[in-house]
Amino acid sequence: MEHDRRRTRAWVLHPDIKSDDQRRDPVPALEEAVALAAALPDLDVIGSEIVRLPRAQPGLLFGSGKIEELGARFAENEIELVLIDGPVTPVQQRNLEKAWKVKILDRTGLILEIFSDRARTREGVLQVEMAALSYQRTRLVRAWTHLERQRGGLGFVGGPGETQIEADRRAIDDQLVRLRRQLQKVVKTRTLHRAARAKVPYPIVALVGYTNAGKSTLFNRLTGAEVMAKDMLFATLDPTMRRIELPDGPEVILSDTVGFISNLPTELVAAFRATLEEVLAADLIVHVRDISHAETEEQAEDVRTIMASLGVDNTRPQLEVWNKIDLLSDEDRDAVQARAERDPAVFPISAVTGEGIDPLLTEIATILQGVRREEVLKLGFADGDKRAWLFRQDVVRDEKQTEDGFEITVLWTDKQANQFAGL
């Protein structure tokens, strides 16, 4: 018998805290938070608002007057879930839930719920479970006796009894160990797949960008694949790879990756590192931007920051694709075209209409033409660091042990050869 999925009535708050160093423009930040909430299929967003604060109150986040005012609004609208777009400490969460008699989810909890709802591959599911458990572990503070588990997802509703905390913490730690072992197996399989790909001299082109920038729409246009491409945050969670033939150029593997977002939960940055390894292995990174978005510059900076934290160096060839020019006014479109003409690494396109795609493909083919070559290297037993570097770069095709050391066949770029020479 199928359970009827009752929709949960939710309200979104964006705390605009004056003393916060990481403070964002509150209007687009609230819009993004509402879009995040809309990405969960069983939520009804009844209302949303910006709450301006001089500073966060340690125990309750908001002042008592504001808590009373919001509580009355939530009761009047029969709100069951309040989404707070920002970090909420376990103590603040517990106190607000008691005051408002609703469930609270902070930004991290909400993004984890979305990831849980969207992950499809075995690796994606395991990574989300691990991230969710790490997050839940920090939430084991007190009992939320007035709440019960009302909905599915990751079970962030409700909480443990006081005496259960240590037992639950141990159970979570045991589960994390088990998941880590399972993930290691999955990652090992992925590594084997990547090693198999390295033997086929197809360069890898990774599409990266802020969530909802149009990566999957572009991926579908270039490959003819049917990746989920919706005007929705985090429509793509698991990396999808397809082989395509560039016009007058080499065959390449195109990789569509998870969208980045500002203040991505640290648990998820760590958990999704393996998924984003496709970016680290890429010969060319194509940064897809929604050029029609009011905060396109800030979004681009967020993407660059996360890429740097993943260890993507600036010497890797990169192109910027300014997508969604079909949504611009004539005046804005002219300004974008003029800026792009001054920068040969920028390509204004519309993944929906196909405008600007041909010049982009021509440039990708030019960059990747003859990008990798095969070479045999002889290393002594003392050259362990150099050998480790080659494996980290994912360029080793074959290795034989000799009397003096190793004979390693690599498939690499000139840039990697120069880096190796400098070791």
Protein backbone atom coordinates (compact mmCIF):
# COMPACT_ATOMS: atom_id res chain seq x y z
CA MET A 1 0.00 0.00 0.00
CA GLU A 2 1.47 3.35 -1.06
CA HIS A 3 1.81 6.04 1.56
CA ASP A 4 0.34 9.36 0.55
CA ARG A 5 3.23 11.86 0.65
CA ARG A 6 1.72 14.72 2.61
CA ARG A 7 3.32 18.03 1.72
CA THR A 8 4.98 19.88 4.59
CA ARG A 9 4.10 23.55 5.09
CA ALA A 10 7.39 25.47 5.26
CA TRP A 11 8.57 29.05 5.86
CA VAL A 12 11.99 30.36 4.76
CA LEU A 13 13.98 32.88 6.81
CA HIS A 14 17.21 34.57 5.74
CA PRO A 15 18.97 36.12 8.77
CA ASP A 16 20.77 39.28 7.58
CA ILE A 17 23.34 39.65 10.35
CA LYS A 18 25.21 42.98 10.27
CA SER A 19 28.20 41.64 12.22
CA ASP A 20 28.69 38.68 9.82
CA ASP A 21 31.93 38.89 7.77
CA GLN A 22 30.42 36.52 5.15
CA ARG A 23 27.27 38.64 4.79
CA ARG A 24 25.60 38.35 1.37
CA ASP A 25 23.11 40.61 -0.39
CA PRO A 26 19.94 39.47 1.44
CA VAL A 27 17.42 39.76 -1.46
CA PRO A 28 19.10 37.31 -3.91
CA ALA A 29 20.20 35.19 -0.92
CA LEU A 30 16.54 34.76 0.15
CA GLU A 31 15.53 34.01 -3.46
CA GLU A 32 18.19 31.29 -3.60
CA ALA A 33 17.03 29.83 -0.26
CA VAL A 34 13.42 29.69 -1.52
CA ALA A 35 14.66 27.99 -4.72
CA LEU A 36 16.55 25.47 -2.57
CA ALA A 37 13.36 24.73 -0.62
CA ALA A 38 11.42 24.37 -3.90
CA ALA A 39 13.93 21.71 -4.96
CA LEU A 40 12.44 19.33 -2.36
CA PRO A 41 9.33 17.67 -3.80
CA ASP A 42 7.30 17.43 -0.60
CA LEU A 43 7.61 21.01 0.67
CA ASP A 44 5.09 23.81 0.22
CA VAL A 45 6.81 27.17 0.81
CA ILE A 46 3.99 29.23 2.36
CA GLY A 47 6.10 32.33 3.04
CA SER A 48 9.60 33.78 3.21
CA GLU A 49 11.28 36.85 4.67
CA ILE A 50 14.55 38.56 5.52
CA VAL A 51 15.18 39.01 9.25
CA ARG A 52 17.65 41.83 9.92
CA LEU A 53 19.79 41.44 13.05
CA PRO A 54 22.70 43.47 14.50
CA ARG A 55 24.25 40.18 15.70
CA ALA A 56 23.26 36.55 16.25
CA GLN A 57 22.00 35.76 19.78
CA PRO A 58 24.01 32.77 21.12
CA GLY A 59 21.05 30.77 22.48
CA LEU A 60 18.17 31.70 20.20
CA LEU A 61 19.73 33.39 17.11
CA PHE A 62 16.91 36.00 17.11
CA GLY A 63 15.78 38.44 19.80
CA SER A 64 12.81 37.51 22.01
CA GLY A 65 10.45 40.06 20.38
CA LYS A 66 11.22 38.74 16.90
CA ILE A 67 10.79 35.13 18.10
CA GLU A 68 7.33 35.98 19.46
CA GLU A 69 6.32 37.81 16.27
CA LEU A 70 7.53 34.99 14.00
CA GLY A 71 5.96 32.32 16.25
CA ALA A 72 2.54 33.98 15.91
CA ARG A 73 2.95 34.08 12.11
CA PHE A 74 3.96 30.40 11.97
CA ALA A 75 0.98 29.37 14.17
CA GLU A 76 -1.44 31.41 12.06
CA ASN A 77 -0.15 29.79 8.84
CA GLU A 78 0.06 26.27 10.36
CA ILE A 79 3.78 26.07 9.56
CA GLU A 80 5.47 22.75 10.34
CA LEU A 81 9.02 23.41 9.11
CA VAL A 82 11.13 26.58 9.25
CA LEU A 83 14.16 26.75 6.96
CA ILE A 84 16.84 29.13 8.21
CA ASP A 85 19.23 30.16 5.45
CA GLY A 86 22.47 30.10 7.41
CA PRO A 87 24.22 28.13 10.16
CA VAL A 88 22.15 27.29 13.25
CA THR A 89 23.91 25.77 16.26
CA PRO A 90 22.39 22.64 17.86
CA VAL A 91 21.45 24.70 20.95
CA GLN A 92 19.79 27.43 18.86
CA GLN A 93 17.92 24.75 16.91
CA ARG A 94 16.67 23.07 20.08
CA ASN A 95 15.54 26.35 21.66
CA LEU A 96 13.80 27.64 18.52
CA GLU A 97 11.99 24.33 18.05
CA LYS A 98 10.71 24.55 21.63
CA ALA A 99 9.66 28.18 21.21
CA TRP A 100 7.89 27.73 17.88
CA LYS A 101 6.75 24.08 18.13
CA VAL A 102 8.04 23.47 14.59
CA LYS A 103 10.96 21.60 13.02
CA ILE A 104 14.00 23.72 12.12
CA LEU A 105 16.40 23.00 9.27
CA ASP A 106 19.44 25.19 8.64
CA ARG A 107 21.06 25.69 5.25
CA THR A 108 23.33 22.66 5.68
CA GLY A 109 20.43 20.40 6.68
CA LEU A 110 18.35 21.59 3.73
CA ILE A 111 21.13 21.02 1.18
CA LEU A 112 21.74 17.57 2.64
CA GLU A 113 18.02 16.76 2.29
CA ILE A 114 18.11 17.82 -1.38
CA PHE A 115 21.26 15.78 -2.02
CA SER A 116 19.62 12.80 -0.33
CA ASP A 117 16.57 13.19 -2.57
CA ARG A 118 18.64 13.47 -5.78
CA ALA A 119 21.61 11.12 -5.43
CA ARG A 120 21.28 8.23 -7.87
CA THR A 121 24.61 6.41 -8.17
CA ARG A 122 25.90 4.13 -5.41
CA GLU A 123 28.75 6.52 -4.72
CA GLY A 124 26.45 9.54 -4.56
CA VAL A 125 24.13 7.80 -2.11
CA LEU A 126 27.02 6.70 0.14
CA GLN A 127 28.57 10.16 0.15
CA VAL A 128 25.28 11.81 1.08
CA GLU A 129 24.71 9.28 3.90
CA MET A 130 28.18 9.97 5.27
CA ALA A 131 27.72 13.74 5.09
CA ALA A 132 24.30 13.46 6.74
CA LEU A 133 25.63 11.29 9.58
CA SER A 134 28.53 13.69 10.22
CA TYR A 135 25.99 16.52 10.40
CA GLN A 136 23.57 14.56 12.62
CA ARG A 137 26.40 13.69 15.01
CA THR A 138 26.81 17.39 15.82
CA ARG A 139 23.06 17.67 16.48
CA LEU A 140 22.93 15.16 19.36
CA VAL A 141 22.34 17.67 22.13
CA ARG A 142 18.99 17.13 23.87
CA ALA A 143 15.63 15.51 23.37
CA TRP A 144 13.09 17.25 21.18
CA THR A 145 10.24 15.61 23.07
CA HIS A 146 7.45 17.64 21.45
CA LEU A 147 8.36 16.43 17.97
CA GLU A 148 8.05 13.11 16.27
CA ARG A 149 9.38 11.87 12.96
CA GLN A 150 6.87 13.32 10.52
CA ARG A 151 8.52 12.90 7.13
CA GLY A 152 11.11 10.86 5.23
CA GLY A 153 14.35 12.24 3.84
CA LEU A 154 17.29 11.96 6.18
CA GLY A 155 15.30 11.96 9.39
CA PHE A 156 16.47 15.33 10.70
CA VAL A 157 13.07 15.60 12.35
CA GLY A 158 12.95 14.66 16.02
CA GLY A 159 15.95 13.74 18.12
CA PRO A 160 17.40 11.38 20.68
CA GLY A 161 16.48 11.10 24.31
CA GLU A 162 19.06 12.49 26.74
CA THR A 163 20.32 9.07 27.86
CA GLN A 164 20.48 7.92 24.25
CA ILE A 165 23.01 10.50 23.13
CA GLU A 166 26.17 8.47 23.73
CA ALA A 167 24.63 5.28 22.33
CA ASP A 168 23.47 7.16 19.24
CA ARG A 169 26.88 8.74 18.81
CA ARG A 170 28.53 5.31 18.92
CA ALA A 171 25.97 3.94 16.46
CA ILE A 172 26.65 6.83 14.09
CA ASP A 173 30.42 6.30 14.36
CA ASP A 174 29.99 2.58 13.61
CA GLN A 175 27.81 3.41 10.62
CA LEU A 176 30.35 5.96 9.36
CA VAL A 177 33.10 3.33 9.49
CA ARG A 178 30.90 0.89 7.54
CA LEU A 179 29.98 3.53 4.93
CA ARG A 180 33.61 4.59 4.58
CA ARG A 181 34.59 1.00 3.77
CA GLN A 182 31.80 0.71 1.19
CA LEU A 183 32.79 4.03 -0.34
CA GLN A 184 36.43 2.96 -0.59
CA LYS A 185 35.31 -0.02 -2.68
CA VAL A 186 33.19 2.20 -4.94
CA VAL A 187 36.01 4.76 -5.31
CA LYS A 188 38.44 1.93 -6.13
CA THR A 189 36.08 0.84 -8.93
CA ARG A 190 35.93 4.44 -10.17
CA THR A 191 39.74 4.61 -10.10
CA LEU A 192 39.88 1.46 -12.24
CA HIS A 193 37.40 3.03 -14.67
CA ARG A 194 39.52 6.18 -14.80
CA ALA A 195 42.67 4.11 -15.39
CA ALA A 196 40.85 2.34 -18.24
CA ARG A 197 39.90 5.74 -19.69
CA ALA A 198 43.50 6.93 -19.39
CA LYS A 199 44.50 4.15 -21.75
CA VAL A 200 42.12 5.57 -24.35
CA PRO A 201 43.66 8.85 -25.41
CA TYR A 202 40.44 10.87 -25.03
CA PRO A 203 40.95 14.19 -23.30
CA ILE A 204 38.43 14.95 -20.54
CA VAL A 205 36.42 18.18 -20.60
CA ALA A 206 34.70 18.92 -17.27
CA LEU A 207 31.71 21.27 -17.08
CA VAL A 208 31.68 23.08 -13.75
CA GLY A 209 29.63 25.97 -12.45
CA TYR A 210 27.19 27.31 -9.92
CA THR A 211 24.06 25.24 -9.48
CA ASN A 212 21.38 26.01 -12.09
CA ALA A 213 23.89 27.74 -14.42
CA GLY A 214 22.77 25.49 -17.29
CA LYS A 215 25.54 22.85 -17.32
CA SER A 216 23.17 19.93 -17.92
CA THR A 217 21.31 21.78 -20.68
CA LEU A 218 24.66 22.43 -22.41
CA PHE A 219 25.73 18.81 -21.78
CA ASN A 220 22.50 17.54 -23.38
CA ARG A 221 22.91 19.82 -26.39
CA LEU A 222 26.49 18.67 -27.00
CA THR A 223 25.97 14.95 -26.38
CA GLY A 224 22.34 14.25 -27.21
CA ALA A 225 22.05 12.64 -23.77
CA GLU A 226 18.98 13.05 -21.59
CA VAL A 227 20.46 14.23 -18.31
CA MET A 228 17.91 15.76 -15.95
CA ALA A 229 17.99 19.45 -16.92
CA LYS A 230 15.46 21.52 -15.01
CA ASP A 231 15.36 25.12 -13.91
CA MET A 232 16.00 23.92 -10.38
CA LEU A 233 18.89 23.99 -7.94
CA PHE A 234 20.93 20.78 -7.80
CA ALA A 235 19.13 19.09 -10.70
CA THR A 236 22.36 17.13 -11.34
CA LEU A 237 24.13 15.42 -8.47
CA ASP A 238 25.98 12.48 -9.93
CA PRO A 239 28.64 13.01 -12.59
CA THR A 240 27.58 11.92 -16.05
CA MET A 241 30.15 11.25 -18.76
CA ARG A 242 29.68 10.93 -22.51
CA ARG A 243 32.06 10.65 -25.43
CA ILE A 244 31.59 13.27 -28.14
CA GLU A 245 33.39 14.02 -31.38
CA LEU A 246 34.36 17.64 -31.85
CA PRO A 247 33.99 19.12 -35.32
CA ASP A 248 37.43 18.87 -37.03
CA GLY A 249 38.89 17.91 -33.68
CA PRO A 250 39.58 15.02 -31.33
CA GLU A 251 37.03 12.80 -29.61
CA VAL A 252 36.65 13.91 -26.00
CA ILE A 253 34.92 12.74 -22.84
CA LEU A 254 32.52 15.39 -21.55
CA SER A 255 31.76 15.30 -17.82
CA ASP A 256 28.76 17.02 -16.22
CA THR A 257 29.35 17.64 -12.50
CA VAL A 258 27.40 18.64 -9.40
CA GLY A 259 26.62 22.36 -9.21
CA PHE A 260 28.49 24.45 -6.67
CA ILE A 261 26.76 26.80 -4.24
CA SER A 262 27.91 29.48 -1.83
CA ASN A 263 28.51 28.25 1.72
CA LEU A 264 28.43 24.64 0.55
CA PRO A 265 28.34 22.56 3.75
CA THR A 266 31.86 21.47 4.68
CA GLU A 267 30.56 17.93 5.17
CA LEU A 268 29.53 17.90 1.52
CA VAL A 269 32.74 19.40 0.16
CA ALA A 270 34.58 16.49 1.79
CA ALA A 271 31.96 13.89 0.87
CA PHE A 272 31.78 14.92 -2.77
CA ARG A 273 35.51 15.17 -3.30
CA ALA A 274 35.56 11.81 -5.10
CA THR A 275 32.73 12.91 -7.38
CA LEU A 276 34.63 16.09 -8.21
CA GLU A 277 37.82 14.14 -8.92
CA GLU A 278 36.62 14.14 -12.53
CA VAL A 279 37.46 17.85 -12.46
CA LEU A 280 40.95 17.17 -11.10
CA ALA A 281 41.55 14.66 -13.92
CA ALA A 282 40.22 17.01 -16.63
CA ASP A 283 42.43 18.32 -19.45
CA LEU A 284 40.13 21.32 -19.86
CA ILE A 285 37.68 22.91 -17.43
CA VAL A 286 34.67 24.73 -18.87
CA HIS A 287 33.19 27.06 -16.26
CA VAL A 288 29.51 27.59 -17.14
CA ARG A 289 28.01 30.81 -15.75
CA ASP A 290 24.45 32.09 -15.73
CA ILE A 291 25.30 35.52 -17.12
CA SER A 292 21.66 36.66 -16.70
CA HIS A 293 21.80 36.21 -12.89
CA ALA A 294 22.07 39.37 -10.78
CA GLU A 295 24.90 37.81 -8.74
CA THR A 296 26.79 36.11 -11.59
CA GLU A 297 30.14 37.60 -10.44
CA GLU A 298 29.66 36.42 -6.85
CA GLN A 299 28.60 32.96 -8.08
CA ALA A 300 31.69 32.74 -10.29
CA GLU A 301 33.88 33.66 -7.32
CA ASP A 302 32.23 30.93 -5.21
CA VAL A 303 33.01 28.37 -7.94
CA ARG A 304 36.66 29.50 -8.14
CA THR A 305 37.00 29.29 -4.35
CA ILE A 306 35.65 25.71 -4.21
CA MET A 307 37.84 24.70 -7.18
CA ALA A 308 40.90 26.07 -5.40
CA SER A 309 39.94 24.16 -2.23
CA LEU A 310 39.76 20.97 -4.32
CA GLY A 311 43.31 21.55 -5.51
CA VAL A 312 42.54 22.64 -9.10
CA ASP A 313 45.55 24.75 -10.07
CA ASN A 314 45.37 27.91 -12.17
CA THR A 315 47.63 26.45 -14.86
CA ARG A 316 44.90 24.02 -16.01
CA PRO A 317 43.35 25.27 -19.28
CA GLN A 318 39.98 26.90 -18.53
CA LEU A 319 37.24 28.53 -20.58
CA GLU A 320 34.35 30.61 -19.28
CA VAL A 321 30.98 30.04 -20.93
CA TRP A 322 28.53 32.87 -20.30
CA ASN A 323 25.24 31.01 -20.67
CA LYS A 324 21.62 32.22 -20.89
CA ILE A 325 22.29 35.21 -23.17
CA ASP A 326 18.79 34.53 -24.55
CA LEU A 327 17.44 35.92 -21.26
CA LEU A 328 19.32 39.24 -21.57
CA SER A 329 17.93 42.53 -22.86
CA ASP A 330 19.46 43.75 -26.16
CA GLU A 331 21.48 46.36 -24.26
CA ASP A 332 22.88 43.83 -21.75
CA ARG A 333 23.58 41.32 -24.52
CA ASP A 334 25.64 43.93 -26.43
CA ALA A 335 27.60 44.71 -23.25
CA VAL A 336 28.29 40.98 -22.65
CA GLN A 337 29.40 40.47 -26.26
CA ALA A 338 31.73 43.49 -26.01
CA ARG A 339 33.31 42.14 -22.80
CA ALA A 340 33.71 38.67 -24.31
CA GLU A 341 35.44 40.09 -27.39
CA ARG A 342 38.16 41.50 -25.12
CA ASP A 343 38.79 38.08 -23.52
CA PRO A 344 39.52 35.13 -25.84
CA ALA A 345 38.74 32.64 -23.03
CA VAL A 346 35.09 33.85 -22.71
CA PHE A 347 32.22 32.51 -24.85
CA PRO A 348 28.69 33.96 -24.64
CA ILE A 349 26.17 31.23 -25.51
CA SER A 350 22.62 30.03 -25.09
CA ALA A 351 22.49 26.30 -24.33
CA VAL A 352 18.73 26.48 -25.04
CA THR A 353 18.85 28.07 -28.51
CA GLY A 354 22.34 26.87 -29.51
CA GLU A 355 23.64 30.38 -30.16
CA GLY A 356 27.43 30.67 -29.74
CA ILE A 357 27.99 26.88 -29.47
CA ASP A 358 30.04 26.49 -32.70
CA PRO A 359 32.81 28.99 -31.75
CA LEU A 360 33.00 27.32 -28.31
CA LEU A 361 33.47 23.84 -29.82
CA THR A 362 36.10 25.16 -32.24
CA GLU A 363 38.08 26.63 -29.32
CA ILE A 364 37.78 23.40 -27.27
CA ALA A 365 39.09 21.42 -30.27
CA THR A 366 42.00 23.86 -30.71
CA ILE A 367 43.01 23.58 -27.04
CA LEU A 368 42.75 19.79 -26.95
CA GLN A 369 44.27 18.95 -30.33
CA GLY A 370 47.13 16.59 -29.59
CA VAL A 371 46.83 17.39 -25.92
CA ARG A 372 48.33 14.11 -24.67
CA ARG A 373 51.31 12.08 -25.80
CA GLU A 374 52.74 8.78 -24.67
CA GLU A 375 56.22 8.47 -23.18
CA VAL A 376 58.22 5.79 -21.34
CA LEU A 377 60.08 6.91 -18.19
CA LYS A 378 62.75 5.04 -16.22
CA LEU A 379 62.75 5.73 -12.48
CA GLY A 380 65.06 4.35 -9.78
CA PHE A 381 63.80 2.87 -6.51
CA ALA A 382 64.80 6.13 -4.78
CA ASP A 383 62.43 8.15 -7.00
CA GLY A 384 59.35 7.33 -4.89
CA ASP A 385 58.10 10.94 -4.81
CA LYS A 386 58.25 11.26 -8.59
CA ARG A 387 56.46 7.94 -9.03
CA ALA A 388 53.76 8.98 -6.53
CA TRP A 389 53.32 12.30 -8.40
CA LEU A 390 52.71 10.43 -11.68
CA PHE A 391 50.01 8.30 -10.06
CA ARG A 392 48.42 11.37 -8.45
CA GLN A 393 48.29 13.00 -11.88
CA ASP A 394 46.48 9.90 -13.22
CA VAL A 395 48.84 9.64 -16.22
CA VAL A 396 50.26 6.12 -15.70
CA ARG A 397 49.18 3.62 -18.39
CA ASP A 398 51.59 0.82 -17.55
CA GLU A 399 54.35 0.07 -15.05
CA LYS A 400 57.03 -2.65 -15.04
CA GLN A 401 59.51 -3.27 -12.27
CA THR A 402 63.11 -3.58 -13.44
CA GLU A 403 66.36 -4.45 -11.63
CA ASP A 404 67.09 -0.75 -11.11
CA GLY A 405 63.58 0.54 -10.43
CA PHE A 406 60.51 1.09 -12.61
CA GLU A 407 59.75 1.52 -16.29
CA ILE A 408 56.58 3.61 -16.44
CA THR A 409 54.53 4.34 -19.56
CA VAL A 410 52.69 7.65 -19.20
CA LEU A 411 50.08 9.46 -21.27
CA TRP A 412 50.48 13.13 -20.45
CA THR A 413 50.38 16.74 -21.59
CA ASP A 414 53.40 18.96 -22.28
CA LYS A 415 52.50 20.90 -19.16
CA GLN A 416 52.63 17.74 -17.01
CA ALA A 417 55.93 16.74 -18.65
CA ASN A 418 57.38 20.17 -17.74
CA GLN A 419 56.05 19.90 -14.18
CA PHE A 420 57.61 16.46 -13.84
CA ALA A 421 60.95 17.75 -15.14
CA GLY A 422 60.90 20.38 -12.37
CA LEU A 423 60.40 17.84 -9.54
